[in-house]
Amino acid sequence: MELFATHLEEVVAVLLFGVGFTTLLLHRNLIKKIIGLNIMDTAIYLMFTSVGYVDGRTAPIMVDGITDAAHYINPIPSGLVLTGIVVSVSVTALMLSLTVRLYRRYHTLNIDRITLLMKGEDD
């Protein structure tokens, strides 16, 4: 139990990823699949942030003339998280726009029903 207490952020990230992955696999609704993918993204960002943080260090902004890198946290995970958030928002917007187009054409958000309707149109 002590292991969970010391690595709480990582445990929460793994649980969030599991919830998102389960939602992505088990639901047939396209909106729920998009939400599941966003939950998985959030779990990855939480994992990157928690791994990149080091207790006792400050943000990588030079103040008070401290130039030793040992006093600052690593800025790379923060940069990756910010970049990932921008990409995630763009991908979500694209998925939602395609979902709107699919709904306008097939009048359903059920992926199985859309697939059947698409196969019926090709005949």
PDB file of N, CA and C in Angstrom:
ATOM      1  N   MET A   1       0.826  -1.195   0.000  1.00  0.00           N
ATOM      2  CA  MET A   1       0.000   0.000   0.000  1.00  0.00           C
ATOM      3  C   MET A   1       0.868   1.256   0.000  1.00  0.00           C
ATOM      4  N   GLU A   2       2.021   1.168   0.607  1.00  0.00           N
ATOM      5  CA  GLU A   2       2.929   2.311   0.629  1.00  0.00           C
ATOM      6  C   GLU A   2       3.415   2.660  -0.778  1.00  0.00           C
ATOM      7  N   LEU A   3       3.562   1.644  -1.602  1.00  0.00           N
ATOM      8  CA  LEU A   3       3.977   1.870  -2.983  1.00  0.00           C
ATOM      9  C   LEU A   3       2.960   2.725  -3.733  1.00  0.00           C
ATOM     10  N   PHE A   4       1.665   2.458  -3.501  1.00  0.00           N
ATOM     11  CA  PHE A   4       0.625   3.260  -4.141  1.00  0.00           C
ATOM     12  C   PHE A   4       0.645   4.696  -3.638  1.00  0.00           C
ATOM     13  N   ALA A   5       0.924   4.890  -2.355  1.00  0.00           N
ATOM     14  CA  ALA A   5       0.934   6.232  -1.784  1.00  0.00           C
ATOM     15  C   ALA A   5       2.097   7.051  -2.327  1.00  0.00           C
ATOM     16  N   THR A   6       3.243   6.409  -2.549  1.00  0.00           N
ATOM     17  CA  THR A   6       4.406   7.155  -3.039  1.00  0.00           C
ATOM     18  C   THR A   6       4.326   7.426  -4.536  1.00  0.00           C
ATOM     19  N   HIS A   7       3.588   6.623  -5.263  1.00  0.00           N
ATOM     20  CA  HIS A   7       3.458   6.793  -6.709  1.00  0.00           C
ATOM     21  C   HIS A   7       1.994   7.021  -7.095  1.00  0.00           C
ATOM     22  N   LEU A   8       1.323   7.890  -6.366  1.00  0.00           N
ATOM     23  CA  LEU A   8      -0.108   8.108  -6.564  1.00  0.00           C
ATOM     24  C   LEU A   8      -0.417   8.643  -7.963  1.00  0.00           C
ATOM     25  N   GLU A   9       0.389   9.574  -8.459  1.00  0.00           N
ATOM     26  CA  GLU A   9       0.121  10.151  -9.780  1.00  0.00           C
ATOM     27  C   GLU A   9       0.228   9.102 -10.880  1.00  0.00           C
ATOM     28  N   GLU A  10       1.234   8.228 -10.770  1.00  0.00           N
ATOM     29  CA  GLU A  10       1.396   7.190 -11.781  1.00  0.00           C
ATOM     30  C   GLU A  10       0.246   6.189 -11.743  1.00  0.00           C
ATOM     31  N   VAL A  11      -0.212   5.848 -10.532  1.00  0.00           N
ATOM     32  CA  VAL A  11      -1.333   4.913 -10.391  1.00  0.00           C
ATOM     33  C   VAL A  11      -2.600   5.517 -10.996  1.00  0.00           C
ATOM     34  N   VAL A  12      -2.841   6.803 -10.711  1.00  0.00           N
ATOM     35  CA  VAL A  12      -4.019   7.475 -11.265  1.00  0.00           C
ATOM     36  C   VAL A  12      -3.921   7.543 -12.787  1.00  0.00           C
ATOM     37  N   ALA A  13      -2.719   7.794 -13.307  1.00  0.00           N
ATOM     38  CA  ALA A  13      -2.538   7.857 -14.760  1.00  0.00           C
ATOM     39  C   ALA A  13      -2.842   6.501 -15.403  1.00  0.00           C
ATOM     40  N   VAL A  14      -2.385   5.430 -14.799  1.00  0.00           N
ATOM     41  CA  VAL A  14      -2.656   4.092 -15.340  1.00  0.00           C
ATOM     42  C   VAL A  14      -4.153   3.784 -15.277  1.00  0.00           C
ATOM     43  N   LEU A  15      -4.806   4.149 -14.169  1.00  0.00           N
ATOM     44  CA  LEU A  15      -6.250   3.921 -14.064  1.00  0.00           C
ATOM     45  C   LEU A  15      -7.025   4.742 -15.099  1.00  0.00           C
ATOM     46  N   LEU A  16      -6.634   6.002 -15.286  1.00  0.00           N
ATOM     47  CA  LEU A  16      -7.288   6.825 -16.303  1.00  0.00           C
ATOM     48  C   LEU A  16      -7.091   6.246 -17.696  1.00  0.00           C
ATOM     49  N   PHE A  17      -5.875   5.782 -17.972  1.00  0.00           N
ATOM     50  CA  PHE A  17      -5.623   5.181 -19.277  1.00  0.00           C
ATOM     51  C   PHE A  17      -6.500   3.945 -19.464  1.00  0.00           C
ATOM     52  N   GLY A  18      -6.646   3.142 -18.420  1.00  0.00           N
ATOM     53  CA  GLY A  18      -7.504   1.956 -18.497  1.00  0.00           C
ATOM     54  C   GLY A  18      -8.957   2.309 -18.743  1.00  0.00           C
ATOM     55  N   VAL A  19      -9.439   3.353 -18.076  1.00  0.00           N
ATOM     56  CA  VAL A  19     -10.825   3.791 -18.275  1.00  0.00           C
ATOM     57  C   VAL A  19     -11.024   4.274 -19.713  1.00  0.00           C
ATOM     58  N   GLY A  20     -10.080   5.075 -20.196  1.00  0.00           N
ATOM     59  CA  GLY A  20     -10.187   5.573 -21.563  1.00  0.00           C
ATOM     60  C   GLY A  20     -10.111   4.463 -22.589  1.00  0.00           C
ATOM     61  N   PHE A  21      -9.199   3.506 -22.381  1.00  0.00           N
ATOM     62  CA  PHE A  21      -9.051   2.393 -23.324  1.00  0.00           C
ATOM     63  C   PHE A  21     -10.291   1.507 -23.325  1.00  0.00           C
ATOM     64  N   THR A  22     -10.853   1.269 -22.143  1.00  0.00           N
ATOM     65  CA  THR A  22     -12.067   0.467 -22.047  1.00  0.00           C
ATOM     66  C   THR A  22     -13.225   1.174 -22.751  1.00  0.00           C
ATOM     67  N   THR A  23     -13.329   2.482 -22.553  1.00  0.00           N
ATOM     68  CA  THR A  23     -14.376   3.249 -23.222  1.00  0.00           C
ATOM     69  C   THR A  23     -14.207   3.195 -24.738  1.00  0.00           C
ATOM     70  N   LEU A  24     -12.975   3.304 -25.181  1.00  0.00           N
ATOM     71  CA  LEU A  24     -12.693   3.262 -26.614  1.00  0.00           C
ATOM     72  C   LEU A  24     -13.063   1.909 -27.218  1.00  0.00           C
ATOM     73  N   LEU A  25     -12.831   0.837 -26.492  1.00  0.00           N
ATOM     74  CA  LEU A  25     -13.093  -0.497 -27.028  1.00  0.00           C
ATOM     75  C   LEU A  25     -14.551  -0.938 -26.930  1.00  0.00           C
ATOM     76  N   LEU A  26     -15.218  -0.607 -25.834  1.00  0.00           N
ATOM     77  CA  LEU A  26     -16.514  -1.213 -25.565  1.00  0.00           C
ATOM     78  C   LEU A  26     -17.719  -0.433 -26.075  1.00  0.00           C
ATOM     79  N   HIS A  27     -17.582   0.866 -26.276  1.00  0.00           N
ATOM     80  CA  HIS A  27     -18.733   1.661 -26.703  1.00  0.00           C
ATOM     81  C   HIS A  27     -18.797   1.752 -28.220  1.00  0.00           C
ATOM     82  N   ARG A  28     -19.995   1.759 -28.725  1.00  0.00           N
ATOM     83  CA  ARG A  28     -20.216   1.840 -30.172  1.00  0.00           C
ATOM     84  C   ARG A  28     -20.468   3.282 -30.618  1.00  0.00           C
ATOM     85  N   ASN A  29     -20.808   4.158 -29.689  1.00  0.00           N
ATOM     86  CA  ASN A  29     -21.096   5.552 -29.999  1.00  0.00           C
ATOM     87  C   ASN A  29     -19.797   6.291 -30.303  1.00  0.00           C
ATOM     88  N   LEU A  30     -19.757   7.025 -31.409  1.00  0.00           N
ATOM     89  CA  LEU A  30     -18.540   7.717 -31.819  1.00  0.00           C
ATOM     90  C   LEU A  30     -18.127   8.817 -30.842  1.00  0.00           C
ATOM     91  N   ILE A  31     -19.078   9.521 -30.258  1.00  0.00           N
ATOM     92  CA  ILE A  31     -18.754  10.574 -29.288  1.00  0.00           C
ATOM     93  C   ILE A  31     -18.102   9.961 -28.051  1.00  0.00           C
ATOM     94  N   LYS A  32     -18.612   8.830 -27.598  1.00  0.00           N
ATOM     95  CA  LYS A  32     -18.014   8.155 -26.436  1.00  0.00           C
ATOM     96  C   LYS A  32     -16.609   7.663 -26.750  1.00  0.00           C
ATOM     97  N   LYS A  33     -16.381   7.230 -27.980  1.00  0.00           N
ATOM     98  CA  LYS A  33     -15.038   6.823 -28.383  1.00  0.00           C
ATOM     99  C   LYS A  33     -14.071   8.012 -28.366  1.00  0.00           C
ATOM    100  N   ILE A  34     -14.529   9.163 -28.807  1.00  0.00           N
ATOM    101  CA  ILE A  34     -13.698  10.361 -28.786  1.00  0.00           C
ATOM    102  C   ILE A  34     -13.391  10.766 -27.343  1.00  0.00           C
ATOM    103  N   ILE A  35     -14.385  10.674 -26.466  1.00  0.00           N
ATOM    104  CA  ILE A  35     -14.156  10.986 -25.052  1.00  0.00           C
ATOM    105  C   ILE A  35     -13.153  10.008 -24.454  1.00  0.00           C
ATOM    106  N   GLY A  36     -13.253   8.733 -24.793  1.00  0.00           N
ATOM    107  CA  GLY A  36     -12.293   7.740 -24.305  1.00  0.00           C
ATOM    108  C   GLY A  36     -10.874   8.040 -24.761  1.00  0.00           C
ATOM    109  N   LEU A  37     -10.731   8.465 -25.997  1.00  0.00           N
ATOM    110  CA  LEU A  37      -9.408   8.835 -26.508  1.00  0.00           C
ATOM    111  C   LEU A  37      -8.856  10.053 -25.779  1.00  0.00           C
ATOM    112  N   ASN A  38      -9.720  11.017 -25.461  1.00  0.00           N
ATOM    113  CA  ASN A  38      -9.282  12.193 -24.712  1.00  0.00           C
ATOM    114  C   ASN A  38      -8.887  11.834 -23.282  1.00  0.00           C
ATOM    115  N   ILE A  39      -9.572  10.897 -22.672  1.00  0.00           N
ATOM    116  CA  ILE A  39      -9.192  10.441 -21.330  1.00  0.00           C
ATOM    117  C   ILE A  39      -7.823   9.773 -21.381  1.00  0.00           C
ATOM    118  N   MET A  40      -7.566   8.991 -22.418  1.00  0.00           N
ATOM    119  CA  MET A  40      -6.250   8.360 -22.567  1.00  0.00           C
ATOM    120  C   MET A  40      -5.166   9.422 -22.750  1.00  0.00           C
ATOM    121  N   ASP A  41      -5.435  10.452 -23.545  1.00  0.00           N
ATOM    122  CA  ASP A  41      -4.479  11.550 -23.712  1.00  0.00           C
ATOM    123  C   ASP A  41      -4.154  12.202 -22.374  1.00  0.00           C
ATOM    124  N   THR A  42      -5.189  12.469 -21.589  1.00  0.00           N
ATOM    125  CA  THR A  42      -5.001  13.104 -20.285  1.00  0.00           C
ATOM    126  C   THR A  42      -4.143  12.241 -19.374  1.00  0.00           C
ATOM    127  N   ALA A  43      -4.340  10.937 -19.434  1.00  0.00           N
ATOM    128  CA  ALA A  43      -3.531  10.029 -18.615  1.00  0.00           C
ATOM    129  C   ALA A  43      -2.061  10.098 -19.017  1.00  0.00           C
ATOM    130  N   ILE A  44      -1.786  10.180 -20.290  1.00  0.00           N
ATOM    131  CA  ILE A  44      -0.396  10.280 -20.754  1.00  0.00           C
ATOM    132  C   ILE A  44       0.224  11.589 -20.289  1.00  0.00           C
ATOM    133  N   TYR A  45      -0.535  12.686 -20.369  1.00  0.00           N
ATOM    134  CA  TYR A  45      -0.009  13.981 -19.928  1.00  0.00           C
ATOM    135  C   TYR A  45       0.271  13.971 -18.429  1.00  0.00           C
ATOM    136  N   LEU A  46      -0.606  13.343 -17.665  1.00  0.00           N
ATOM    137  CA  LEU A  46      -0.380  13.230 -16.224  1.00  0.00           C
ATOM    138  C   LEU A  46       0.871  12.412 -15.934  1.00  0.00           C
ATOM    139  N   MET A  47       1.079  11.332 -16.682  1.00  0.00           N
ATOM    140  CA  MET A  47       2.267  10.500 -16.482  1.00  0.00           C
ATOM    141  C   MET A  47       3.541  11.284 -16.813  1.00  0.00           C
ATOM    142  N   PHE A  48       3.559  11.967 -17.947  1.00  0.00           N
ATOM    143  CA  PHE A  48       4.730  12.776 -18.315  1.00  0.00           C
ATOM    144  C   PHE A  48       5.029  13.830 -17.259  1.00  0.00           C
ATOM    145  N   THR A  49       3.989  14.506 -16.795  1.00  0.00           N
ATOM    146  CA  THR A  49       4.178  15.570 -15.817  1.00  0.00           C
ATOM    147  C   THR A  49       4.698  15.027 -14.495  1.00  0.00           C
ATOM    148  N   SER A  50       4.154  13.911 -14.043  1.00  0.00           N
ATOM    149  CA  SER A  50       4.582  13.357 -12.759  1.00  0.00           C
ATOM    150  C   SER A  50       5.994  12.772 -12.832  1.00  0.00           C
ATOM    151  N   VAL A  51       6.372  12.213 -13.960  1.00  0.00           N
ATOM    152  CA  VAL A  51       7.726  11.676 -14.108  1.00  0.00           C
ATOM    153  C   VAL A  51       8.742  12.808 -14.232  1.00  0.00           C
ATOM    154  N   GLY A  52       8.354  13.902 -14.859  1.00  0.00           N
ATOM    155  CA  GLY A  52       9.277  15.013 -15.087  1.00  0.00           C
ATOM    156  C   GLY A  52       9.503  15.896 -13.881  1.00  0.00           C
ATOM    157  N   TYR A  53       8.632  15.814 -12.874  1.00  0.00           N
ATOM    158  CA  TYR A  53       8.770  16.670 -11.706  1.00  0.00           C
ATOM    159  C   TYR A  53       9.724  16.039 -10.696  1.00  0.00           C
ATOM    160  N   VAL A  54      10.569  16.864 -10.098  1.00  0.00           N
ATOM    161  CA  VAL A  54      11.504  16.407  -9.071  1.00  0.00           C
ATOM    162  C   VAL A  54      11.305  17.281  -7.838  1.00  0.00           C
ATOM    163  N   ASP A  55      11.069  16.662  -6.677  1.00  0.00           N
ATOM    164  CA  ASP A  55      10.868  17.417  -5.435  1.00  0.00           C
ATOM    165  C   ASP A  55      12.092  18.251  -5.098  1.00  0.00           C
ATOM    166  N   GLY A  56      11.840  19.449  -4.630  1.00  0.00           N
ATOM    167  CA  GLY A  56      12.922  20.308  -4.190  1.00  0.00           C
ATOM    168  C   GLY A  56      13.544  21.163  -5.275  1.00  0.00           C
ATOM    169  N   ARG A  57      13.100  20.989  -6.501  1.00  0.00           N
ATOM    170  CA  ARG A  57      13.634  21.799  -7.611  1.00  0.00           C
ATOM    171  C   ARG A  57      12.588  22.804  -8.050  1.00  0.00           C
ATOM    172  N   THR A  58      13.033  23.823  -8.745  1.00  0.00           N
ATOM    173  CA  THR A  58      12.120  24.882  -9.186  1.00  0.00           C
ATOM    174  C   THR A  58      11.942  24.831 -10.699  1.00  0.00           C
ATOM    175  N   ALA A  59      11.042  25.674 -11.163  1.00  0.00           N
ATOM    176  CA  ALA A  59      10.801  25.774 -12.604  1.00  0.00           C
ATOM    177  C   ALA A  59      12.072  26.265 -13.297  1.00  0.00           C
ATOM    178  N   PRO A  60      12.311  25.851 -14.533  1.00  0.00           N
ATOM    179  CA  PRO A  60      13.553  26.223 -15.223  1.00  0.00           C
ATOM    180  C   PRO A  60      13.573  27.675 -15.710  1.00  0.00           C
ATOM    181  N   ILE A  61      13.439  28.587 -14.761  1.00  0.00           N
ATOM    182  CA  ILE A  61      13.523  30.018 -15.050  1.00  0.00           C
ATOM    183  C   ILE A  61      14.647  30.562 -14.188  1.00  0.00           C
ATOM    184  N   MET A  62      15.658  31.101 -14.808  1.00  0.00           N
ATOM    185  CA  MET A  62      16.825  31.583 -14.067  1.00  0.00           C
ATOM    186  C   MET A  62      16.475  32.816 -13.240  1.00  0.00           C
ATOM    187  N   VAL A  63      16.572  32.669 -11.939  1.00  0.00           N
ATOM    188  CA  VAL A  63      16.401  33.789 -11.022  1.00  0.00           C
ATOM    189  C   VAL A  63      17.507  33.714  -9.974  1.00  0.00           C
ATOM    190  N   ASP A  64      17.801  34.808  -9.381  1.00  0.00           N
ATOM    191  CA  ASP A  64      18.807  34.890  -8.312  1.00  0.00           C
ATOM    192  C   ASP A  64      20.186  34.443  -8.765  1.00  0.00           C
ATOM    193  N   GLY A  65      20.461  34.430 -10.052  1.00  0.00           N
ATOM    194  CA  GLY A  65      21.788  34.103 -10.551  1.00  0.00           C
ATOM    195  C   GLY A  65      22.165  32.631 -10.454  1.00  0.00           C
ATOM    196  N   ILE A  66      21.208  31.723 -10.184  1.00  0.00           N
ATOM    197  CA  ILE A  66      21.505  30.289 -10.097  1.00  0.00           C
ATOM    198  C   ILE A  66      21.574  29.734 -11.517  1.00  0.00           C
ATOM    199  N   THR A  67      22.753  29.264 -11.906  1.00  0.00           N
ATOM    200  CA  THR A  67      22.922  28.728 -13.259  1.00  0.00           C
ATOM    201  C   THR A  67      23.138  27.225 -13.262  1.00  0.00           C
ATOM    202  N   ASP A  68      23.229  26.607 -12.092  1.00  0.00           N
ATOM    203  CA  ASP A  68      23.440  25.164 -12.013  1.00  0.00           C
ATOM    204  C   ASP A  68      22.145  24.431 -12.371  1.00  0.00           C
ATOM    205  N   ALA A  69      22.237  23.516 -13.307  1.00  0.00           N
ATOM    206  CA  ALA A  69      21.052  22.787 -13.779  1.00  0.00           C
ATOM    207  C   ALA A  69      20.464  21.872 -12.715  1.00  0.00           C
ATOM    208  N   ALA A  70      21.215  21.548 -11.686  1.00  0.00           N
ATOM    209  CA  ALA A  70      20.722  20.658 -10.637  1.00  0.00           C
ATOM    210  C   ALA A  70      19.629  21.305  -9.791  1.00  0.00           C
ATOM    211  N   HIS A  71      19.433  22.606  -9.912  1.00  0.00           N
ATOM    212  CA  HIS A  71      18.414  23.297  -9.121  1.00  0.00           C
ATOM    213  C   HIS A  71      17.067  23.381  -9.832  1.00  0.00           C
ATOM    214  N   TYR A  72      17.012  22.955 -11.079  1.00  0.00           N
ATOM    215  CA  TYR A  72      15.795  23.112 -11.876  1.00  0.00           C
ATOM    216  C   TYR A  72      15.249  21.758 -12.309  1.00  0.00           C
ATOM    217  N   ILE A  73      13.932  21.718 -12.546  1.00  0.00           N
ATOM    218  CA  ILE A  73      13.332  20.499 -13.096  1.00  0.00           C
ATOM    219  C   ILE A  73      13.630  20.442 -14.588  1.00  0.00           C
ATOM    220  N   ASN A  74      13.434  19.279 -15.171  1.00  0.00           N
ATOM    221  CA  ASN A  74      13.671  19.093 -16.601  1.00  0.00           C
ATOM    222  C   ASN A  74      12.522  19.727 -17.391  1.00  0.00           C
ATOM    223  N   PRO A  75      12.798  20.652 -18.310  1.00  0.00           N
ATOM    224  CA  PRO A  75      11.714  21.314 -19.053  1.00  0.00           C
ATOM    225  C   PRO A  75      11.171  20.491 -20.217  1.00  0.00           C
ATOM    226  N   ILE A  76      11.838  19.409 -20.585  1.00  0.00           N
ATOM    227  CA  ILE A  76      11.403  18.624 -21.750  1.00  0.00           C
ATOM    228  C   ILE A  76      10.016  18.004 -21.543  1.00  0.00           C
ATOM    229  N   PRO A  77       9.721  17.331 -20.404  1.00  0.00           N
ATOM    230  CA  PRO A  77       8.364  16.783 -20.254  1.00  0.00           C
ATOM    231  C   PRO A  77       7.274  17.851 -20.327  1.00  0.00           C
ATOM    232  N   SER A  78       7.534  19.032 -19.783  1.00  0.00           N
ATOM    233  CA  SER A  78       6.539  20.108 -19.851  1.00  0.00           C
ATOM    234  C   SER A  78       6.305  20.534 -21.295  1.00  0.00           C
ATOM    235  N   GLY A  79       7.378  20.631 -22.058  1.00  0.00           N
ATOM    236  CA  GLY A  79       7.242  20.979 -23.474  1.00  0.00           C
ATOM    237  C   GLY A  79       6.493  19.918 -24.254  1.00  0.00           C
ATOM    238  N   LEU A  80       6.771  18.652 -23.936  1.00  0.00           N
ATOM    239  CA  LEU A  80       6.052  17.572 -24.614  1.00  0.00           C
ATOM    240  C   LEU A  80       4.568  17.589 -24.280  1.00  0.00           C
ATOM    241  N   VAL A  81       4.252  17.879 -23.017  1.00  0.00           N
ATOM    242  CA  VAL A  81       2.852  17.931 -22.612  1.00  0.00           C
ATOM    243  C   VAL A  81       2.133  19.077 -23.322  1.00  0.00           C
ATOM    244  N   LEU A  82       2.754  20.246 -23.374  1.00  0.00           N
ATOM    245  CA  LEU A  82       2.118  21.376 -24.068  1.00  0.00           C
ATOM    246  C   LEU A  82       1.912  21.081 -25.551  1.00  0.00           C
ATOM    247  N   THR A  83       2.921  20.497 -26.182  1.00  0.00           N
ATOM    248  CA  THR A  83       2.787  20.129 -27.591  1.00  0.00           C
ATOM    249  C   THR A  83       1.708  19.072 -27.774  1.00  0.00           C
ATOM    250  N   GLY A  84       1.661  18.104 -26.884  1.00  0.00           N
ATOM    251  CA  GLY A  84       0.649  17.057 -26.954  1.00  0.00           C
ATOM    252  C   GLY A  84      -0.756  17.592 -26.793  1.00  0.00           C
ATOM    253  N   ILE A  85      -0.921  18.574 -25.921  1.00  0.00           N
ATOM    254  CA  ILE A  85      -2.248  19.166 -25.730  1.00  0.00           C
ATOM    255  C   ILE A  85      -2.708  19.866 -27.002  1.00  0.00           C
ATOM    256  N   VAL A  86      -1.812  20.583 -27.646  1.00  0.00           N
ATOM    257  CA  VAL A  86      -2.167  21.269 -28.895  1.00  0.00           C
ATOM    258  C   VAL A  86      -2.557  20.253 -29.972  1.00  0.00           C
ATOM    259  N   VAL A  87      -1.776  19.202 -30.103  1.00  0.00           N
ATOM    260  CA  VAL A  87      -2.088  18.169 -31.095  1.00  0.00           C
ATOM    261  C   VAL A  87      -3.396  17.469 -30.742  1.00  0.00           C
ATOM    262  N   SER A  88      -3.603  17.197 -29.464  1.00  0.00           N
ATOM    263  CA  SER A  88      -4.816  16.518 -29.021  1.00  0.00           C
ATOM    264  C   SER A  88      -6.065  17.347 -29.322  1.00  0.00           C
ATOM    265  N   VAL A  89      -6.000  18.646 -29.094  1.00  0.00           N
ATOM    266  CA  VAL A  89      -7.143  19.502 -29.398  1.00  0.00           C
ATOM    267  C   VAL A  89      -7.426  19.500 -30.900  1.00  0.00           C
ATOM    268  N   SER A  90      -6.379  19.532 -31.703  1.00  0.00           N
ATOM    269  CA  SER A  90      -6.560  19.515 -33.156  1.00  0.00           C
ATOM    270  C   SER A  90      -7.169  18.198 -33.626  1.00  0.00           C
ATOM    271  N   VAL A  91      -6.671  17.105 -33.101  1.00  0.00           N
ATOM    272  CA  VAL A  91      -7.198  15.788 -33.491  1.00  0.00           C
ATOM    273  C   VAL A  91      -8.645  15.645 -33.032  1.00  0.00           C
ATOM    274  N   THR A  92      -8.951  16.121 -31.834  1.00  0.00           N
ATOM    275  CA  THR A  92     -10.325  16.051 -31.336  1.00  0.00           C
ATOM    276  C   THR A  92     -11.260  16.870 -32.214  1.00  0.00           C
ATOM    277  N   ALA A  93     -10.824  18.051 -32.609  1.00  0.00           N
ATOM    278  CA  ALA A  93     -11.657  18.881 -33.491  1.00  0.00           C
ATOM    279  C   ALA A  93     -11.899  18.181 -34.827  1.00  0.00           C
ATOM    280  N   LEU A  94     -10.867  17.560 -35.377  1.00  0.00           N
ATOM    281  CA  LEU A  94     -11.028  16.831 -36.635  1.00  0.00           C
ATOM    282  C   LEU A  94     -11.978  15.650 -36.468  1.00  0.00           C
ATOM    283  N   MET A  95     -11.820  14.891 -35.387  1.00  0.00           N
ATOM    284  CA  MET A  95     -12.704  13.741 -35.157  1.00  0.00           C
ATOM    285  C   MET A  95     -14.150  14.186 -34.968  1.00  0.00           C
ATOM    286  N   LEU A  96     -14.359  15.268 -34.239  1.00  0.00           N
ATOM    287  CA  LEU A  96     -15.724  15.756 -34.034  1.00  0.00           C
ATOM    288  C   LEU A  96     -16.336  16.262 -35.336  1.00  0.00           C
ATOM    289  N   SER A  97     -15.541  16.916 -36.165  1.00  0.00           N
ATOM    290  CA  SER A  97     -16.085  17.388 -37.436  1.00  0.00           C
ATOM    291  C   SER A  97     -16.444  16.219 -38.350  1.00  0.00           C
ATOM    292  N   LEU A  98     -15.617  15.183 -38.354  1.00  0.00           N
ATOM    293  CA  LEU A  98     -15.951  13.996 -39.151  1.00  0.00           C
ATOM    294  C   LEU A  98     -17.172  13.273 -38.589  1.00  0.00           C
ATOM    295  N   THR A  99     -17.312  13.289 -37.282  1.00  0.00           N
ATOM    296  CA  THR A  99     -18.482  12.677 -36.653  1.00  0.00           C
ATOM    297  C   THR A  99     -19.750  13.431 -37.030  1.00  0.00           C
ATOM    298  N   VAL A 100     -19.682  14.748 -37.070  1.00  0.00           N
ATOM    299  CA  VAL A 100     -20.837  15.546 -37.493  1.00  0.00           C
ATOM    300  C   VAL A 100     -21.208  15.209 -38.939  1.00  0.00           C
ATOM    301  N   ARG A 101     -20.204  15.098 -39.799  1.00  0.00           N
ATOM    302  CA  ARG A 101     -20.473  14.738 -41.208  1.00  0.00           C
ATOM    303  C   ARG A 101     -21.121  13.358 -41.318  1.00  0.00           C
ATOM    304  N   LEU A 102     -20.601  12.393 -40.534  1.00  0.00           N
ATOM    305  CA  LEU A 102     -21.191  11.053 -40.546  1.00  0.00           C
ATOM    306  C   LEU A 102     -22.624  11.084 -40.045  1.00  0.00           C
ATOM    307  N   TYR A 103     -22.888  11.860 -38.998  1.00  0.00           N
ATOM    308  CA  TYR A 103     -24.249  11.930 -38.463  1.00  0.00           C
ATOM    309  C   TYR A 103     -25.209  12.560 -39.473  1.00  0.00           C
ATOM    310  N   ARG A 104     -24.762  13.591 -40.150  1.00  0.00           N
ATOM    311  CA  ARG A 104     -25.622  14.237 -41.152  1.00  0.00           C
ATOM    312  C   ARG A 104     -25.955  13.295 -42.299  1.00  0.00           C
ATOM    313  N   ARG A 105     -25.008  12.435 -42.621  1.00  0.00           N
ATOM    314  CA  ARG A 105     -25.241  11.524 -43.744  1.00  0.00           C
ATOM    315  C   ARG A 105     -26.040  10.292 -43.342  1.00  0.00           C
ATOM    316  N   TYR A 106     -25.733   9.680 -42.181  1.00  0.00           N
ATOM    317  CA  TYR A 106     -26.347   8.403 -41.800  1.00  0.00           C
ATOM    318  C   TYR A 106     -27.346   8.511 -40.655  1.00  0.00           C
ATOM    319  N   HIS A 107     -27.484   9.663 -40.013  1.00  0.00           N
ATOM    320  CA  HIS A 107     -28.444   9.910 -38.936  1.00  0.00           C
ATOM    321  C   HIS A 107     -28.283   8.959 -37.755  1.00  0.00           C
ATOM    322  N   THR A 108     -27.050   8.572 -37.473  1.00  0.00           N
ATOM    323  CA  THR A 108     -26.745   7.746 -36.305  1.00  0.00           C
ATOM    324  C   THR A 108     -25.284   7.956 -35.921  1.00  0.00           C
ATOM    325  N   LEU A 109     -24.977   7.672 -34.656  1.00  0.00           N
ATOM    326  CA  LEU A 109     -23.593   7.731 -34.188  1.00  0.00           C
ATOM    327  C   LEU A 109     -23.059   6.350 -33.843  1.00  0.00           C
ATOM    328  N   ASN A 110     -23.852   5.329 -34.074  1.00  0.00           N
ATOM    329  CA  ASN A 110     -23.435   3.957 -33.806  1.00  0.00           C
ATOM    330  C   ASN A 110     -22.513   3.487 -34.941  1.00  0.00           C
ATOM    331  N   ILE A 111     -21.287   3.135 -34.582  1.00  0.00           N
ATOM    332  CA  ILE A 111     -20.289   2.779 -35.588  1.00  0.00           C
ATOM    333  C   ILE A 111     -20.688   1.507 -36.358  1.00  0.00           C
ATOM    334  N   ASP A 112     -21.329   0.565 -35.691  1.00  0.00           N
ATOM    335  CA  ASP A 112     -21.771  -0.657 -36.382  1.00  0.00           C
ATOM    336  C   ASP A 112     -22.861  -0.335 -37.410  1.00  0.00           C
ATOM    337  N   ARG A 113     -23.799   0.519 -37.023  1.00  0.00           N
ATOM    338  CA  ARG A 113     -24.884   0.897 -37.932  1.00  0.00           C
ATOM    339  C   ARG A 113     -24.337   1.682 -39.131  1.00  0.00           C
ATOM    340  N   ILE A 114     -23.374   2.571 -38.878  1.00  0.00           N
ATOM    341  CA  ILE A 114     -22.762   3.340 -39.964  1.00  0.00           C
ATOM    342  C   ILE A 114     -22.046   2.412 -40.929  1.00  0.00           C
ATOM    343  N   THR A 115     -21.350   1.423 -40.394  1.00  0.00           N
ATOM    344  CA  THR A 115     -20.642   0.463 -41.246  1.00  0.00           C
ATOM    345  C   THR A 115     -21.613  -0.316 -42.127  1.00  0.00           C
ATOM    346  N   LEU A 116     -22.728  -0.757 -41.536  1.00  0.00           N
ATOM    347  CA  LEU A 116     -23.738  -1.488 -42.323  1.00  0.00           C
ATOM    348  C   LEU A 116     -24.340  -0.597 -43.398  1.00  0.00           C
ATOM    349  N   LEU A 117     -24.619   0.646 -43.045  1.00  0.00           N
ATOM    350  CA  LEU A 117     -25.191   1.561 -44.038  1.00  0.00           C
ATOM    351  C   LEU A 117     -24.198   1.859 -45.160  1.00  0.00           C
ATOM    352  N   MET A 118     -22.925   1.957 -44.827  1.00  0.00           N
ATOM    353  CA  MET A 118     -21.898   2.211 -45.848  1.00  0.00           C
ATOM    354  C   MET A 118     -21.783   1.032 -46.801  1.00  0.00           C
ATOM    355  N   LYS A 119     -21.853  -0.180 -46.260  1.00  0.00           N
ATOM    356  CA  LYS A 119     -21.780  -1.366 -47.113  1.00  0.00           C
ATOM    357  C   LYS A 119     -23.003  -1.471 -48.015  1.00  0.00           C
ATOM    358  N   GLY A 120     -24.137  -1.042 -47.498  1.00  0.00           N
ATOM    359  CA  GLY A 120     -25.364  -1.075 -48.287  1.00  0.00           C
ATOM    360  C   GLY A 120     -25.340  -0.069 -49.422  1.00  0.00           C
ATOM    361  N   GLU A 121     -24.636   1.035 -49.234  1.00  0.00           N
ATOM    362  CA  GLU A 121     -24.569   2.048 -50.288  1.00  0.00           C
ATOM    363  C   GLU A 121     -23.667   1.618 -51.444  1.00  0.00           C
ATOM    364  N   ASP A 122     -22.675   0.794 -51.132  1.00  0.00           N
ATOM    365  CA  ASP A 122     -21.717   0.391 -52.172  1.00  0.00           C
ATOM    366  C   ASP A 122     -22.317  -0.588 -53.174  1.00  0.00           C
ATOM    367  N   ASP A 123     -23.396  -1.274 -52.807  1.00  0.00           N
ATOM    368  CA  ASP A 123     -23.993  -2.273 -53.700  1.00  0.00           C
ATOM    369  C   ASP A 123     -24.658  -1.663 -54.894  1.00  0.00           C
TER     370      ASP A 123
END
